[in-house]
Amino acid sequence: MSKSIEERVRILEDQQEIIKLKARYVNLNDGGWKGPTHTYPQAVADMFVEDGIWDGRPSTGYAKGHAEIKKLFETFGAVPFIVHYVTNPLIEVDGDTATGNWHALVTMTVPSEQALWNLGLYIDEYVRTEQGWKFKSLRFESAANTPYELGWGKRRLLYSDDPFKNNSF
């Protein structure tokens, strides 16, 4: 059975709201050229449902719930420079839930002053709430995480327990 024009418009509007949610997320975290990075950890936490999950394992941590997400993003404030480029959104809306996949290129400088490339895929789940769309889970799956000088062609993956320390970069 085909969807009505109203249902199709609702899906398009929902997809646009989810695109805006993702854009606000990266904008709240990026910085280093005109001020510090990750300056709004509570605002980031508030983008998630109460028991939402942020998962950057194995390289950048895991947090569940607003308090843990806020605390994790406070530690990310040590990053002196970061820019997220997210592209190719594939968003599937199913009523009050949705899923999304995004390609990402994240350029950053860690506190040791090592510049890194981080390329991968965001795999997100969303929920419609009274306040609008929120993340149920946000997972980043790295395809490459490597020092800038080496690039992904010479050293594709670099993992450590603490990505903010100079661990053999």
C-alpha atoms as a PDB file:
ATOM      1  CA  MET A   1       0.000   0.000   0.000  1.00  0.00           C
ATOM      2  CA  SER A   2       1.466   3.357  -0.976  1.00  0.00           C
ATOM      3  CA  LYS A   3       1.849   6.165   1.536  1.00  0.00           C
ATOM      4  CA  SER A   4      -0.347   9.228   1.377  1.00  0.00           C
ATOM      5  CA  ILE A   5       1.128  12.593   0.430  1.00  0.00           C
ATOM      6  CA  GLU A   6       0.811  13.631   4.097  1.00  0.00           C
ATOM      7  CA  GLU A   7       2.785  10.581   5.243  1.00  0.00           C
ATOM      8  CA  ARG A   8       5.481  11.196   2.633  1.00  0.00           C
ATOM      9  CA  VAL A   9       5.774  14.883   3.596  1.00  0.00           C
ATOM     10  CA  ARG A  10       6.001  13.914   7.282  1.00  0.00           C
ATOM     11  CA  ILE A  11       8.892  11.537   6.511  1.00  0.00           C
ATOM     12  CA  LEU A  12      10.711  14.264   4.554  1.00  0.00           C
ATOM     13  CA  GLU A  13      10.211  16.744   7.401  1.00  0.00           C
ATOM     14  CA  ASP A  14      11.435  14.165   9.925  1.00  0.00           C
ATOM     15  CA  GLN A  15      14.535  13.475   7.814  1.00  0.00           C
ATOM     16  CA  GLN A  16      15.289  17.207   7.689  1.00  0.00           C
ATOM     17  CA  GLU A  17      14.935  17.517  11.467  1.00  0.00           C
ATOM     18  CA  ILE A  18      17.333  14.597  11.931  1.00  0.00           C
ATOM     19  CA  ILE A  19      19.831  16.232   9.541  1.00  0.00           C
ATOM     20  CA  LYS A  20      19.604  19.392  11.683  1.00  0.00           C
ATOM     21  CA  LEU A  21      20.119  17.325  14.862  1.00  0.00           C
ATOM     22  CA  LYS A  22      23.338  15.866  13.422  1.00  0.00           C
ATOM     23  CA  ALA A  23      24.528  19.302  12.259  1.00  0.00           C
ATOM     24  CA  ARG A  24      23.916  20.791  15.720  1.00  0.00           C
ATOM     25  CA  TYR A  25      25.812  17.871  17.276  1.00  0.00           C
ATOM     26  CA  VAL A  26      28.971  18.431  15.212  1.00  0.00           C
ATOM     27  CA  ASN A  27      28.729  22.212  15.524  1.00  0.00           C
ATOM     28  CA  LEU A  28      28.601  21.951  19.322  1.00  0.00           C
ATOM     29  CA  ASN A  29      31.818  19.921  19.312  1.00  0.00           C
ATOM     30  CA  ASP A  30      33.972  21.527  16.641  1.00  0.00           C
ATOM     31  CA  GLY A  31      36.434  24.276  17.407  1.00  0.00           C
ATOM     32  CA  GLY A  32      40.000  25.300  17.858  1.00  0.00           C
ATOM     33  CA  TRP A  33      40.187  28.092  15.311  1.00  0.00           C
ATOM     34  CA  LYS A  34      38.139  30.723  17.181  1.00  0.00           C
ATOM     35  CA  GLY A  35      37.850  29.199  20.603  1.00  0.00           C
ATOM     36  CA  PRO A  36      37.959  25.918  22.473  1.00  0.00           C
ATOM     37  CA  THR A  37      36.401  22.652  21.341  1.00  0.00           C
ATOM     38  CA  HIS A  38      33.620  20.714  23.051  1.00  0.00           C
ATOM     39  CA  THR A  39      32.448  23.731  25.043  1.00  0.00           C
ATOM     40  CA  TYR A  40      28.836  22.570  25.405  1.00  0.00           C
ATOM     41  CA  PRO A  41      28.914  19.093  27.004  1.00  0.00           C
ATOM     42  CA  GLN A  42      25.506  19.523  28.661  1.00  0.00           C
ATOM     43  CA  ALA A  43      23.919  20.617  25.389  1.00  0.00           C
ATOM     44  CA  VAL A  44      25.387  17.539  23.694  1.00  0.00           C
ATOM     45  CA  ALA A  45      24.076  15.277  26.471  1.00  0.00           C
ATOM     46  CA  ASP A  46      20.636  16.873  26.131  1.00  0.00           C
ATOM     47  CA  MET A  47      20.529  15.803  22.466  1.00  0.00           C
ATOM     48  CA  PHE A  48      20.187  12.215  23.686  1.00  0.00           C
ATOM     49  CA  VAL A  49      17.244  10.494  25.347  1.00  0.00           C
ATOM     50  CA  GLU A  50      17.793  10.013  29.086  1.00  0.00           C
ATOM     51  CA  ASP A  51      19.322   6.536  28.684  1.00  0.00           C
ATOM     52  CA  GLY A  52      20.972   7.353  25.347  1.00  0.00           C
ATOM     53  CA  ILE A  53      24.290   5.821  24.331  1.00  0.00           C
ATOM     54  CA  TRP A  54      27.382   7.462  22.838  1.00  0.00           C
ATOM     55  CA  ASP A  55      29.779   4.787  21.588  1.00  0.00           C
ATOM     56  CA  GLY A  56      33.186   5.581  20.117  1.00  0.00           C
ATOM     57  CA  ARG A  57      34.878   2.333  21.119  1.00  0.00           C
ATOM     58  CA  PRO A  58      37.566   1.213  20.879  1.00  0.00           C
ATOM     59  CA  SER A  59      39.345   4.540  20.466  1.00  0.00           C
ATOM     60  CA  THR A  60      37.310   7.264  22.181  1.00  0.00           C
ATOM     61  CA  GLY A  61      35.102   5.771  24.832  1.00  0.00           C
ATOM     62  CA  TYR A  62      31.560   4.863  25.722  1.00  0.00           C
ATOM     63  CA  ALA A  63      28.906   6.633  27.768  1.00  0.00           C
ATOM     64  CA  LYS A  64      25.308   5.859  28.700  1.00  0.00           C
ATOM     65  CA  GLY A  65      22.895   8.459  30.012  1.00  0.00           C
ATOM     66  CA  HIS A  66      23.107  12.222  30.263  1.00  0.00           C
ATOM     67  CA  ALA A  67      25.553  12.342  33.181  1.00  0.00           C
ATOM     68  CA  GLU A  68      28.085   9.988  31.575  1.00  0.00           C
ATOM     69  CA  ILE A  69      27.811  11.648  28.159  1.00  0.00           C
ATOM     70  CA  LYS A  70      28.339  15.082  29.711  1.00  0.00           C
ATOM     71  CA  LYS A  71      31.362  13.841  31.666  1.00  0.00           C
ATOM     72  CA  LEU A  72      32.894  12.214  28.574  1.00  0.00           C
ATOM     73  CA  PHE A  73      32.448  15.377  26.505  1.00  0.00           C
ATOM     74  CA  GLU A  74      34.028  17.444  29.269  1.00  0.00           C
ATOM     75  CA  THR A  75      37.184  15.337  28.808  1.00  0.00           C
ATOM     76  CA  PHE A  76      37.050  15.937  25.054  1.00  0.00           C
ATOM     77  CA  GLY A  77      37.555  19.647  25.806  1.00  0.00           C
ATOM     78  CA  ALA A  78      41.279  18.834  26.032  1.00  0.00           C
ATOM     79  CA  VAL A  79      41.311  18.476  22.231  1.00  0.00           C
ATOM     80  CA  PRO A  80      42.720  21.771  20.917  1.00  0.00           C
ATOM     81  CA  PHE A  81      41.338  21.427  17.362  1.00  0.00           C
ATOM     82  CA  ILE A  82      38.614  19.324  15.753  1.00  0.00           C
ATOM     83  CA  VAL A  83      36.377  19.535  12.695  1.00  0.00           C
ATOM     84  CA  HIS A  84      33.748  16.938  11.753  1.00  0.00           C
ATOM     85  CA  TYR A  85      32.679  16.569   8.130  1.00  0.00           C
ATOM     86  CA  VAL A  86      29.580  14.368   7.866  1.00  0.00           C
ATOM     87  CA  THR A  87      28.184  13.352   4.492  1.00  0.00           C
ATOM     88  CA  ASN A  88      26.000  10.849   2.666  1.00  0.00           C
ATOM     89  CA  PRO A  89      23.139  10.645   5.174  1.00  0.00           C
ATOM     90  CA  LEU A  90      20.914   7.596   4.784  1.00  0.00           C
ATOM     91  CA  ILE A  91      17.973   8.178   7.122  1.00  0.00           C
ATOM     92  CA  GLU A  92      15.118   5.698   7.434  1.00  0.00           C
ATOM     93  CA  VAL A  93      12.092   6.924   9.387  1.00  0.00           C
ATOM     94  CA  ASP A  94       9.611   4.444  10.848  1.00  0.00           C
ATOM     95  CA  GLY A  95       6.967   6.367  12.779  1.00  0.00           C
ATOM     96  CA  ASP A  96       8.548   7.738  15.952  1.00  0.00           C
ATOM     97  CA  THR A  97      11.901   5.993  15.451  1.00  0.00           C
ATOM     98  CA  ALA A  98      14.565   6.281  12.804  1.00  0.00           C
ATOM     99  CA  THR A  99      18.028   5.070  11.878  1.00  0.00           C
ATOM    100  CA  GLY A 100      20.810   6.933  10.158  1.00  0.00           C
ATOM    101  CA  ASN A 101      24.191   6.202   8.639  1.00  0.00           C
ATOM    102  CA  TRP A 102      26.647   8.967   7.822  1.00  0.00           C
ATOM    103  CA  HIS A 103      30.161   8.928   6.397  1.00  0.00           C
ATOM    104  CA  ALA A 104      32.537  11.053   8.444  1.00  0.00           C
ATOM    105  CA  LEU A 105      35.940  12.625   8.133  1.00  0.00           C
ATOM    106  CA  VAL A 106      37.148  14.031  11.434  1.00  0.00           C
ATOM    107  CA  THR A 107      40.330  16.085  11.482  1.00  0.00           C
ATOM    108  CA  MET A 108      41.782  16.760  14.903  1.00  0.00           C
ATOM    109  CA  THR A 109      44.802  17.663  16.945  1.00  0.00           C
ATOM    110  CA  VAL A 110      45.150  15.802  20.249  1.00  0.00           C
ATOM    111  CA  PRO A 111      46.711  17.427  23.343  1.00  0.00           C
ATOM    112  CA  SER A 112      50.148  16.011  22.460  1.00  0.00           C
ATOM    113  CA  GLU A 113      49.896  18.237  19.334  1.00  0.00           C
ATOM    114  CA  GLN A 114      49.670  15.200  17.045  1.00  0.00           C
ATOM    115  CA  ALA A 115      47.334  15.822  14.106  1.00  0.00           C
ATOM    116  CA  LEU A 116      45.066  12.880  13.270  1.00  0.00           C
ATOM    117  CA  TRP A 117      42.739  11.743  10.526  1.00  0.00           C
ATOM    118  CA  ASN A 118      39.689   9.809  11.684  1.00  0.00           C
ATOM    119  CA  LEU A 119      37.472   8.403   8.949  1.00  0.00           C
ATOM    120  CA  GLY A 120      34.486   6.204   9.483  1.00  0.00           C
ATOM    121  CA  LEU A 121      30.792   5.714   9.722  1.00  0.00           C
ATOM    122  CA  TYR A 122      28.272   7.094  12.200  1.00  0.00           C
ATOM    123  CA  ILE A 123      25.534   4.567  12.909  1.00  0.00           C
ATOM    124  CA  ASP A 124      22.709   6.339  14.736  1.00  0.00           C
ATOM    125  CA  GLU A 125      19.316   5.522  16.190  1.00  0.00           C
ATOM    126  CA  TYR A 126      16.813   8.314  16.808  1.00  0.00           C
ATOM    127  CA  VAL A 127      13.580   8.705  18.748  1.00  0.00           C
ATOM    128  CA  ARG A 128      10.884  11.349  18.389  1.00  0.00           C
ATOM    129  CA  THR A 129      10.249  13.007  21.755  1.00  0.00           C
ATOM    130  CA  GLU A 130       8.054  15.877  22.909  1.00  0.00           C
ATOM    131  CA  GLN A 131      11.139  18.112  22.416  1.00  0.00           C
ATOM    132  CA  GLY A 132      11.765  16.786  18.885  1.00  0.00           C
ATOM    133  CA  TRP A 133      14.129  14.146  17.531  1.00  0.00           C
ATOM    134  CA  LYS A 134      16.912  12.924  19.831  1.00  0.00           C
ATOM    135  CA  PHE A 135      19.656  10.365  19.658  1.00  0.00           C
ATOM    136  CA  LYS A 136      18.863   6.983  21.173  1.00  0.00           C
ATOM    137  CA  SER A 137      22.363   5.861  20.256  1.00  0.00           C
ATOM    138  CA  LEU A 138      25.253   7.317  18.332  1.00  0.00           C
ATOM    139  CA  ARG A 139      28.057   4.942  17.388  1.00  0.00           C
ATOM    140  CA  PHE A 140      31.190   5.819  15.455  1.00  0.00           C
ATOM    141  CA  GLU A 141      32.863   2.966  13.616  1.00  0.00           C
ATOM    142  CA  SER A 142      36.388   3.921  12.540  1.00  0.00           C
ATOM    143  CA  ALA A 143      37.611   2.904   9.117  1.00  0.00           C
ATOM    144  CA  ALA A 144      40.875   4.801   9.611  1.00  0.00           C
ATOM    145  CA  ASN A 145      42.349   6.556  12.618  1.00  0.00           C
ATOM    146  CA  THR A 146      45.883   7.578  11.843  1.00  0.00           C
ATOM    147  CA  PRO A 147      48.510  10.291  12.266  1.00  0.00           C
ATOM    148  CA  TYR A 148      48.229  13.038   9.677  1.00  0.00           C
ATOM    149  CA  GLU A 149      51.785  12.482   8.410  1.00  0.00           C
ATOM    150  CA  LEU A 150      51.212   8.804   7.696  1.00  0.00           C
ATOM    151  CA  GLY A 151      47.702   8.991   6.333  1.00  0.00           C
ATOM    152  CA  TRP A 152      45.466   5.980   6.018  1.00  0.00           C
ATOM    153  CA  GLY A 153      47.580   4.545   3.199  1.00  0.00           C
ATOM    154  CA  LYS A 154      50.584   3.827   5.430  1.00  0.00           C
ATOM    155  CA  ARG A 155      48.919   3.223   8.792  1.00  0.00           C
ATOM    156  CA  ARG A 156      45.183   2.775   8.720  1.00  0.00           C
ATOM    157  CA  LEU A 157      44.212   2.082  12.331  1.00  0.00           C
ATOM    158  CA  LEU A 158      45.664   3.429  15.529  1.00  0.00           C
ATOM    159  CA  TYR A 159      43.963   2.581  18.801  1.00  0.00           C
ATOM    160  CA  SER A 160      44.958   3.331  22.344  1.00  0.00           C
ATOM    161  CA  ASP A 161      43.349   3.288  25.747  1.00  0.00           C
ATOM    162  CA  ASP A 162      43.619   7.067  25.890  1.00  0.00           C
ATOM    163  CA  PRO A 163      43.660   8.849  22.523  1.00  0.00           C
ATOM    164  CA  PHE A 164      44.662  12.097  24.223  1.00  0.00           C
ATOM    165  CA  LYS A 165      48.082  10.861  25.313  1.00  0.00           C
ATOM    166  CA  ASN A 166      51.056  10.565  23.040  1.00  0.00           C
ATOM    167  CA  ASN A 167      51.085   6.774  22.646  1.00  0.00           C
ATOM    168  CA  SER A 168      53.669   6.049  19.949  1.00  0.00           C
ATOM    169  CA  PHE A 169      52.223   8.488  17.446  1.00  0.00           C
END
